[in-house]
Protein backbone atom coordinates (compact mmCIF):
# COMPACT_ATOMS: atom_id res chain seq x y z
CA MET A 1 13.70 26.24 -34.61
CA ASN A 2 14.69 23.47 -36.45
CA ASP A 3 12.84 23.74 -40.03
CA ASN A 4 12.37 19.89 -39.90
CA THR A 5 10.07 20.23 -36.62
CA HIS A 6 6.53 18.86 -37.07
CA PRO A 7 3.99 21.22 -37.05
CA THR A 8 2.23 20.21 -34.40
CA ARG A 9 5.25 19.70 -31.94
CA SER A 10 6.39 23.09 -32.84
CA TRP A 11 2.96 24.28 -31.79
CA LEU A 12 3.08 22.45 -28.62
CA ASP A 13 6.80 23.56 -27.46
CA SER A 14 5.53 27.53 -28.20
CA ARG A 15 2.68 27.11 -26.13
CA LEU A 16 4.15 24.31 -23.21
CA PRO A 17 7.70 24.96 -23.35
CA PHE A 18 8.34 22.78 -20.71
CA LEU A 19 7.04 19.66 -21.95
CA ARG A 20 10.08 18.87 -24.54
CA PRO A 21 12.78 18.68 -21.52
CA PHE A 22 9.96 16.64 -19.37
CA CYS A 23 9.98 13.83 -22.08
CA GLN A 24 13.46 14.10 -23.00
CA HIS A 25 14.41 13.64 -18.68
CA MET A 26 11.70 10.69 -18.69
CA THR A 27 13.55 9.08 -21.77
CA ARG A 28 16.76 9.64 -20.73
CA PHE A 29 16.52 8.88 -16.90
CA PRO A 30 19.47 6.85 -16.12
CA MET A 31 18.77 3.35 -14.44
CA PRO A 32 21.12 1.26 -12.91
CA PRO A 33 20.90 -2.87 -13.15
CA VAL A 34 17.46 -3.21 -11.43
CA ASN A 35 15.78 -6.34 -10.96
CA LEU A 36 12.07 -7.39 -12.23
CA LEU A 37 11.19 -6.06 -8.80
CA TRP A 38 11.56 -2.75 -9.84
CA THR A 39 8.55 -3.02 -12.49
CA LEU A 40 6.11 -3.21 -9.52
CA GLY A 41 5.78 0.80 -9.63
CA ALA A 42 4.56 0.49 -13.41
CA CYS A 43 2.06 -2.40 -12.04
CA LEU A 44 0.69 -0.11 -9.51
CA MET A 45 0.39 2.80 -11.73
CA VAL A 46 -1.88 0.90 -14.16
CA ALA A 47 -3.57 -0.81 -11.28
CA PHE A 48 -4.48 2.73 -9.35
CA GLY A 49 -5.46 4.36 -12.95
CA LEU A 50 -8.26 1.31 -13.15
CA MET A 51 -9.44 1.85 -9.81
CA VAL A 52 -10.00 5.82 -10.54
CA VAL A 53 -11.87 5.15 -13.78
CA SER A 54 -13.76 2.24 -12.50
CA GLY A 55 -14.89 4.46 -9.25
CA LEU A 56 -15.56 7.09 -11.06
CA PHE A 57 -18.20 4.57 -13.40
CA LEU A 58 -19.59 3.00 -10.03
CA SER A 59 -19.85 6.64 -8.07
CA LEU A 60 -22.44 7.72 -11.14
CA HIS A 61 -24.92 4.78 -9.68
CA TYR A 62 -24.02 4.73 -6.29
CA GLN A 63 -26.59 5.82 -3.56
CA PRO A 64 -24.75 7.06 -0.29
CA ASP A 65 -28.10 6.44 1.66
CA LEU A 66 -28.95 3.86 4.28
CA ALA A 67 -32.29 2.47 2.45
CA GLN A 68 -30.53 2.58 -0.97
CA ALA A 69 -26.68 2.04 -0.61
CA PHE A 70 -27.05 -2.12 -0.83
CA ASP A 71 -29.76 -2.02 -3.64
CA SER A 72 -28.00 0.57 -5.40
CA VAL A 73 -24.44 -1.55 -5.71
CA GLU A 74 -26.92 -5.09 -6.41
CA ALA A 75 -28.24 -2.42 -9.27
CA MET A 76 -25.17 -2.05 -10.74
CA GLU A 77 -24.04 -5.67 -10.68
CA ARG A 78 -27.64 -6.94 -11.90
CA ARG A 79 -29.25 -3.82 -14.71
CA VAL A 80 -26.51 -1.68 -15.40
CA PRO A 81 -24.95 -2.87 -18.54
CA SER A 82 -21.44 -4.42 -17.96
CA GLY A 83 -21.61 -3.02 -14.18
CA TRP A 84 -20.69 -6.55 -12.99
CA LEU A 85 -17.42 -6.04 -14.68
CA ILE A 86 -16.72 -2.48 -14.00
CA ARG A 87 -17.23 -3.87 -10.22
CA SER A 88 -15.36 -6.85 -10.51
CA ILE A 89 -12.44 -4.73 -12.05
CA HIS A 90 -12.71 -2.36 -8.85
CA THR A 91 -13.35 -4.77 -6.22
CA GLY A 92 -10.65 -7.33 -7.38
CA GLY A 93 -8.17 -5.00 -8.59
CA VAL A 94 -8.10 -3.21 -4.84
CA SER A 95 -6.74 -6.59 -3.81
CA LEU A 96 -4.12 -7.03 -6.84
CA LEU A 97 -3.15 -3.52 -5.96
CA PHE A 98 -2.06 -4.56 -2.63
CA ALA A 99 -0.44 -7.30 -3.17
CA ALA A 100 1.66 -5.09 -5.39
CA LEU A 101 1.84 -2.51 -2.99
CA TYR A 102 3.14 -4.62 -0.22
CA LEU A 103 5.83 -6.37 -2.30
CA HIS A 104 7.10 -3.01 -3.50
CA VAL A 105 7.55 -2.06 0.10
CA GLY A 106 9.35 -5.43 1.02
CA ARG A 107 11.35 -4.47 -2.08
CA GLY A 108 12.50 -1.31 -0.67
CA LEU A 109 13.00 -3.12 2.98
CA TRP A 110 15.13 -6.11 1.42
CA TYR A 111 17.37 -3.79 -0.98
CA GLY A 112 17.55 -0.76 1.50
CA SER A 113 15.98 2.04 -0.72
CA TYR A 114 14.84 3.66 2.54
CA LYS A 115 18.39 5.03 3.07
CA ALA A 116 19.98 8.42 2.58
CA PRO A 117 19.62 10.23 0.22
CA ARG A 118 16.35 8.34 -0.48
CA GLU A 119 14.38 9.04 2.83
CA LEU A 120 11.90 11.39 0.86
CA VAL A 121 11.16 8.59 -1.66
CA TRP A 122 10.59 6.22 1.33
CA LEU A 123 8.61 8.28 3.35
CA SER A 124 6.41 9.56 0.86
CA GLY A 125 5.83 5.85 -0.83
CA LEU A 126 4.52 5.02 3.44
CA PHE A 127 2.39 7.88 3.31
CA LEU A 128 0.73 6.69 -0.17
CA MET A 129 0.37 3.54 1.54
CA LEU A 130 -1.57 5.05 4.53
CA LEU A 131 -3.85 6.68 2.08
CA PHE A 132 -4.30 3.66 0.12
CA MET A 133 -5.54 1.58 3.16
CA THR A 134 -7.19 4.56 4.13
CA THR A 135 -9.23 4.95 1.14
CA ALA A 136 -9.58 1.02 1.07
CA PHE A 137 -11.15 0.91 4.37
CA ALA A 138 -13.89 3.79 3.51
CA GLY A 139 -14.41 1.83 0.02
CA TYR A 140 -14.88 -1.11 2.44
CA VAL A 141 -17.90 0.64 4.13
CA LEU A 142 -19.92 1.53 1.31
CA PRO A 143 -21.75 -1.63 0.18
CA TRP A 144 -23.58 -1.63 3.47
CA GLY A 145 -23.54 -5.27 3.52
CA GLN A 146 -23.22 -7.44 7.03
CA MET A 147 -19.33 -7.65 6.84
CA SER A 148 -18.97 -3.83 5.78
CA TYR A 149 -21.09 -2.69 8.83
CA TRP A 150 -20.00 -4.46 11.57
CA GLY A 151 -16.07 -4.78 10.29
CA ALA A 152 -16.19 -0.65 10.04
CA THR A 153 -18.13 -0.96 13.57
CA VAL A 154 -15.28 -2.15 15.20
CA ILE A 155 -12.17 -0.77 13.78
CA THR A 156 -13.88 2.66 13.68
CA HIS A 157 -15.05 2.34 17.70
CA ALA A 158 -11.17 1.53 18.20
CA VAL A 159 -10.82 5.14 18.41
CA GLU A 160 -13.42 5.02 21.51
CA ALA A 161 -10.47 3.87 23.50
CA ILE A 162 -8.54 6.90 23.55
CA PRO A 163 -8.34 8.27 26.90
CA GLY A 164 -10.23 11.85 27.50
CA ILE A 165 -11.35 12.55 24.03
CA GLY A 166 -12.17 9.16 22.11
CA HIS A 167 -15.77 9.22 22.21
CA GLY A 168 -15.65 12.95 21.19
CA LEU A 169 -13.47 12.03 18.53
CA LEU A 170 -15.49 9.12 17.02
CA VAL A 171 -18.72 11.46 17.02
CA TYR A 172 -16.71 14.05 15.33
CA LEU A 173 -15.24 11.59 12.85
CA LEU A 174 -18.90 9.52 12.02
CA GLY A 175 -21.09 12.55 12.64
CA GLU A 176 -23.21 10.47 15.21
CA ASP A 177 -22.66 7.88 17.71
CA THR A 178 -22.29 4.96 15.98
CA LEU A 179 -22.39 3.80 11.99
CA GLY A 180 -25.47 5.74 10.20
CA GLY A 181 -26.82 7.68 7.50
CA VAL A 182 -24.33 10.51 8.10
CA ALA A 183 -21.31 8.21 8.25
CA LEU A 184 -21.98 6.65 5.18
CA HIS A 185 -22.18 9.75 3.30
CA ARG A 186 -18.82 10.82 4.78
CA PHE A 187 -17.19 7.84 3.68
CA PHE A 188 -18.48 7.92 0.53
CA ILE A 189 -17.06 11.25 0.06
CA LEU A 190 -13.67 10.46 1.52
CA HIS A 191 -13.31 7.51 -0.60
CA PHE A 192 -13.89 9.67 -3.80
CA THR A 193 -11.92 12.65 -2.73
CA LEU A 194 -8.56 10.53 -1.37
CA GLY A 195 -8.50 9.47 -4.97
CA PHE A 196 -7.40 12.72 -6.05
CA ILE A 197 -5.02 13.61 -3.51
CA ILE A 198 -3.39 9.83 -3.94
CA ALA A 199 -2.73 10.71 -7.74
CA ALA A 200 -1.27 13.97 -6.47
CA VAL A 201 1.42 12.13 -3.71
CA VAL A 202 2.30 9.73 -6.53
CA GLY A 203 3.41 12.76 -8.56
CA LEU A 204 5.24 13.93 -5.48
CA HIS A 205 6.53 10.14 -4.74
CA ILE A 206 7.89 10.17 -8.40
CA LEU A 207 9.52 13.43 -8.48
CA CYS A 208 11.52 12.52 -4.99
CA LEU A 209 12.50 9.50 -7.12
CA HIS A 210 13.65 11.21 -9.98
CA GLY A 211 15.76 13.35 -7.40
CA THR A 212 17.64 10.82 -5.97
CA GLY A 213 17.41 8.38 -8.60
CA SER A 214 16.62 4.38 -7.89
CA SER A 215 18.63 2.52 -6.07
CA ASN A 216 21.13 -0.07 -7.38
CA PRO A 217 20.77 -3.53 -5.97
CA THR A 218 24.32 -4.59 -6.51
CA LEU A 219 26.40 -2.39 -4.99
CA ASP A 220 26.92 -4.68 -1.76
CA SER A 221 27.90 -7.49 -4.15
CA PRO A 222 31.25 -8.64 -4.87
CA HIS A 223 31.16 -7.66 -8.11
CA PRO A 224 28.87 -4.38 -8.16
CA ASP A 225 27.74 -3.02 -11.66
CA ARG A 226 27.40 0.85 -11.73
CA THR A 227 26.59 0.98 -15.58
CA THR A 228 23.26 2.69 -15.90
CA ARG A 229 21.17 3.01 -19.13
CA PRO A 230 18.37 5.22 -20.24
CA PHE A 231 14.44 4.59 -18.97
CA ALA A 232 13.37 4.17 -22.64
CA PRO A 233 13.62 1.79 -24.42
CA PHE A 234 14.88 -0.45 -22.10
CA TYR A 235 13.15 -0.42 -18.89
CA VAL A 236 9.99 0.86 -20.73
CA VAL A 237 9.81 -2.64 -22.49
CA LYS A 238 10.55 -4.42 -19.20
CA ASP A 239 7.88 -2.45 -17.58
CA CYS A 240 5.51 -3.12 -20.28
CA LEU A 241 6.36 -6.76 -19.97
CA ALA A 242 5.32 -6.89 -16.40
CA VAL A 243 2.12 -4.84 -16.80
CA CYS A 244 1.15 -7.37 -19.39
CA VAL A 245 1.37 -10.09 -16.90
CA PHE A 246 0.12 -8.38 -13.97
CA LEU A 247 -3.28 -7.60 -16.22
CA ALA A 248 -2.96 -11.45 -17.19
CA LEU A 249 -3.32 -12.29 -13.55
CA PHE A 250 -5.64 -9.56 -13.25
CA ALA A 251 -8.22 -10.64 -15.89
CA GLY A 252 -8.16 -14.56 -14.57
CA LEU A 253 -8.72 -13.01 -10.93
CA ILE A 254 -12.06 -11.44 -12.81
CA PHE A 255 -13.48 -14.06 -15.19
CA PHE A 256 -12.36 -17.10 -13.26
CA LEU A 257 -12.19 -16.46 -9.73
CA PRO A 258 -14.80 -13.82 -9.07
CA GLY A 259 -15.80 -15.08 -5.70
CA LEU A 260 -12.56 -15.66 -4.28
CA LEU A 261 -11.95 -12.53 -2.71
CA GLY A 262 -15.26 -11.64 -1.37
CA LYS A 263 -16.91 -12.42 1.73
CA LEU A 264 -20.37 -14.47 1.58
CA ASP A 265 -21.50 -12.31 4.27
CA ASN A 266 -21.44 -9.03 2.59
CA ILE A 267 -23.95 -10.14 -0.16
CA ILE A 268 -26.59 -10.09 3.25
CA PRO A 269 -27.92 -6.31 3.70
CA ALA A 270 -26.89 -4.48 7.00
CA ASN A 271 -28.32 -5.55 9.81
CA PRO A 272 -27.21 -3.36 13.13
CA LEU A 273 -29.17 -5.89 15.36
CA LYS A 274 -27.67 -8.97 14.65
CA THR A 275 -23.69 -9.93 14.65
CA PRO A 276 -22.46 -12.10 12.56
CA THR A 277 -20.21 -15.11 14.03
CA ASP A 278 -16.98 -13.78 12.76
CA ILE A 279 -15.90 -10.23 12.17
CA THR A 280 -12.79 -10.25 9.81
CA PRO A 281 -11.70 -7.46 7.24
CA GLU A 282 -10.30 -7.68 3.73
CA TRP A 283 -6.89 -9.31 3.65
CA TYR A 284 -5.34 -6.22 2.76
CA LEU A 285 -6.17 -4.77 6.16
CA ALA A 286 -5.84 -7.95 8.20
CA PRO A 287 -2.52 -7.61 9.84
CA TRP A 288 -3.52 -4.46 11.65
CA PHE A 289 -6.69 -6.18 12.79
CA ALA A 290 -5.19 -9.11 13.90
CA MET A 291 -2.89 -6.69 16.14
CA LEU A 292 -6.31 -5.26 17.71
CA ARG A 293 -7.45 -8.34 18.57
CA ALA A 294 -4.16 -9.43 19.95
CA VAL A 295 -3.90 -6.74 22.88
CA PRO A 296 -6.38 -7.57 25.50
CA SER A 297 -6.87 -3.64 25.96
CA ARG A 298 -8.47 -1.79 23.16
CA LEU A 299 -6.09 1.04 23.53
CA GLY A 300 -3.13 -1.29 23.76
CA GLY A 301 -4.01 -2.83 20.40
CA LEU A 302 -4.37 0.95 18.86
CA ILE A 303 -1.32 1.88 19.98
CA ALA A 304 0.40 -1.45 18.97
CA ALA A 305 -1.27 -1.31 15.51
CA ALA A 306 0.21 2.66 15.18
CA THR A 307 3.60 1.93 16.66
CA SER A 308 3.89 -0.66 13.80
CA LEU A 309 3.67 1.83 11.39
CA LEU A 310 5.60 4.68 13.18
CA VAL A 311 8.67 2.16 13.25
CA LEU A 312 8.54 2.26 9.19
CA PHE A 313 8.49 5.98 9.14
CA ILE A 314 11.48 6.14 11.25
CA LEU A 315 13.42 3.21 9.99
CA PRO A 316 15.84 5.60 7.81
CA TRP A 317 17.24 6.81 11.17
CA LEU A 318 17.30 3.30 12.71
CA ASP A 319 19.17 1.73 10.35
CA GLN A 320 22.09 3.78 9.24
CA SER A 321 24.26 0.90 7.94
CA PRO A 322 26.61 1.78 4.98
CA ARG A 323 25.74 -1.39 3.42
CA HIS A 324 21.70 -1.54 1.43
CA ASN A 325 21.20 -5.20 0.29
CA ALA A 326 19.76 -7.57 2.99
CA THR A 327 21.16 -10.45 0.64
CA TYR A 328 24.76 -9.38 1.85
CA ARG A 329 23.97 -8.47 5.29
CA PRO A 330 23.51 -12.23 7.56
CA LEU A 331 21.78 -10.39 10.63
CA ALA A 332 19.33 -7.94 8.71
CA ARG A 333 18.38 -11.09 6.03
CA MET A 334 17.34 -13.32 9.28
CA GLY A 335 15.39 -9.97 10.67
CA LEU A 336 13.41 -9.29 7.52
CA GLY A 337 12.93 -13.14 6.50
CA LEU A 338 11.32 -13.35 10.02
CA PHE A 339 9.29 -10.13 9.72
CA PHE A 340 8.06 -11.25 5.97
CA ILE A 341 6.92 -14.37 7.85
CA ALA A 342 5.63 -12.29 10.42
CA PHE A 343 3.43 -10.79 8.23
CA ILE A 344 1.60 -13.23 6.47
CA ILE A 345 0.86 -15.00 9.74
CA LEU A 346 -0.63 -11.34 10.98
CA ILE A 347 -2.83 -11.48 7.41
CA LEU A 348 -4.09 -15.25 8.42
CA ALA A 349 -4.62 -14.17 11.96
CA GLY A 350 -6.71 -11.35 11.06
CA MET A 351 -8.85 -13.16 8.51
CA ASN A 352 -9.50 -16.21 10.83
CA ARG A 353 -11.34 -16.19 14.43
CA ALA A 354 -9.87 -15.28 17.33
CA THR A 355 -9.24 -18.51 18.73
CA PRO A 356 -6.18 -18.79 21.32
CA LEU A 357 -4.16 -20.09 18.59
CA TRP A 358 -4.11 -17.43 16.19
CA VAL A 359 -4.18 -14.85 19.04
CA TRP A 360 -0.95 -16.55 20.43
CA LEU A 361 0.39 -16.44 16.84
CA SER A 362 -0.59 -12.75 16.49
CA ARG A 363 1.50 -11.93 19.68
CA GLY A 364 4.53 -13.72 18.35
CA ALA A 365 4.33 -12.05 14.73
CA MET A 366 3.89 -8.66 16.43
CA LEU A 367 6.85 -9.36 18.86
CA VAL A 368 9.12 -10.34 15.52
CA TRP A 369 7.78 -7.16 13.91
CA PHE A 370 8.96 -4.95 16.36
CA LEU A 371 12.49 -6.99 17.61
CA THR A 372 13.13 -6.60 13.64
CA PHE A 373 12.67 -2.84 13.09
CA LEU A 374 14.07 -1.80 17.29
CA GLY A 375 16.22 -4.46 17.58
CA LEU A 376 17.82 -6.68 14.74
CA LEU A 377 18.44 -4.15 12.42
CA PRO A 378 19.96 -1.08 14.19
CA LEU A 379 22.50 -4.03 15.69
CA ALA A 380 23.36 -5.04 12.56
CA ALA A 381 23.86 -1.32 11.48
CA TYR A 382 26.10 -0.48 14.46
CA ARG A 383 28.00 -3.74 13.86
CA GLU A 384 28.35 -2.93 9.81
CA ARG A 385 29.19 0.50 10.80
CA ARG A 386 32.23 -0.44 13.08
CA ALA A 387 33.78 -3.09 10.48
CA SER A 388 33.52 -0.19 8.17
CA ASP A 389 35.28 2.01 10.19
CA ALA A 390 37.95 -0.69 11.15
CA SER A 391 38.47 -1.27 7.32
CA THR A 392 38.53 2.14 6.57
CA GLN A 393 41.26 3.03 9.31
CA GLY A 394 43.20 -0.35 8.15
CA ASP A 395 43.29 1.00 4.71
CA ALA A 396 44.93 4.31 5.94
CA PRO A 397 48.47 4.87 5.30
């Protein structure tokens, strides 16, 4: 061992021999010339950390009981020192987390980060998105406000539409026929434990990423740049700057626009005997809520919402084009552009009343969603594979 090694480092190396190679790998990890959209991963890590820390604090004061749930949330904000701030971080942070998450997935779609050999990175990332959605839905129920109760009622009872097993499955999940004390306690346990499961899957996601490396957005350009730089210090500094901007936006949302993302109906205790005039979920769950409403059949809406996620999971096998970056793929560029517009329309439709206009816009957006992934992208891949094969044969002697 080098005599100049610090005693503390020598002590750690002798007891944790994997620590030094791990740190060296992280600092020397080769990164291609990526743009600022690749910093969203660091922003997501910070947002998730804030959710875990603030959630642990809130769990110390929350009471998962029908008679005390709403009052315990009110007591956090009014009586617990800095409780209003911690809860604002938790409730406001989840919106920014999902904004960064959807942008992160959108970046992966645009730059083809789901293609071989990064299928496991893509699949683990989508699994993380499902876990975040489930965790957010469970947390949405916990305040036991009017909108929480009725929004959760609509979504959970969609399971009843499954032929044969629907009602039995609903009772098994909730512990009773409808939302009540047993279901509230189960949602609290689910919300609490999923945070730690997400942390484990995040580690798996990073492990998959480091196994294959980050994708290069310049490979399909006329002048591809294949140079790499070590992750530290170049990309560490870039990530830190992005995180600072993210936290500034976070602080502005909490301190200057605290009611922007809240729902007024949710500051009223849940009343099972009075249905709100308009039941809408949080914006990050709104696209799939809009799908449920757009199909007249409850079973059809459930199938449409589930299939919309399934096509994302099989996308690496639907789009097997040798090209990645949609900027240089005209048909894929058009399809993904329409998909992003359709996704925004579904968010707006899910957050508004189910008028005929929004229902038909939702149906049109759903059609674009499925045509993009089941039609345009496979067609673009087929044409690009043929062009690539023809080019290869033309170059052959």
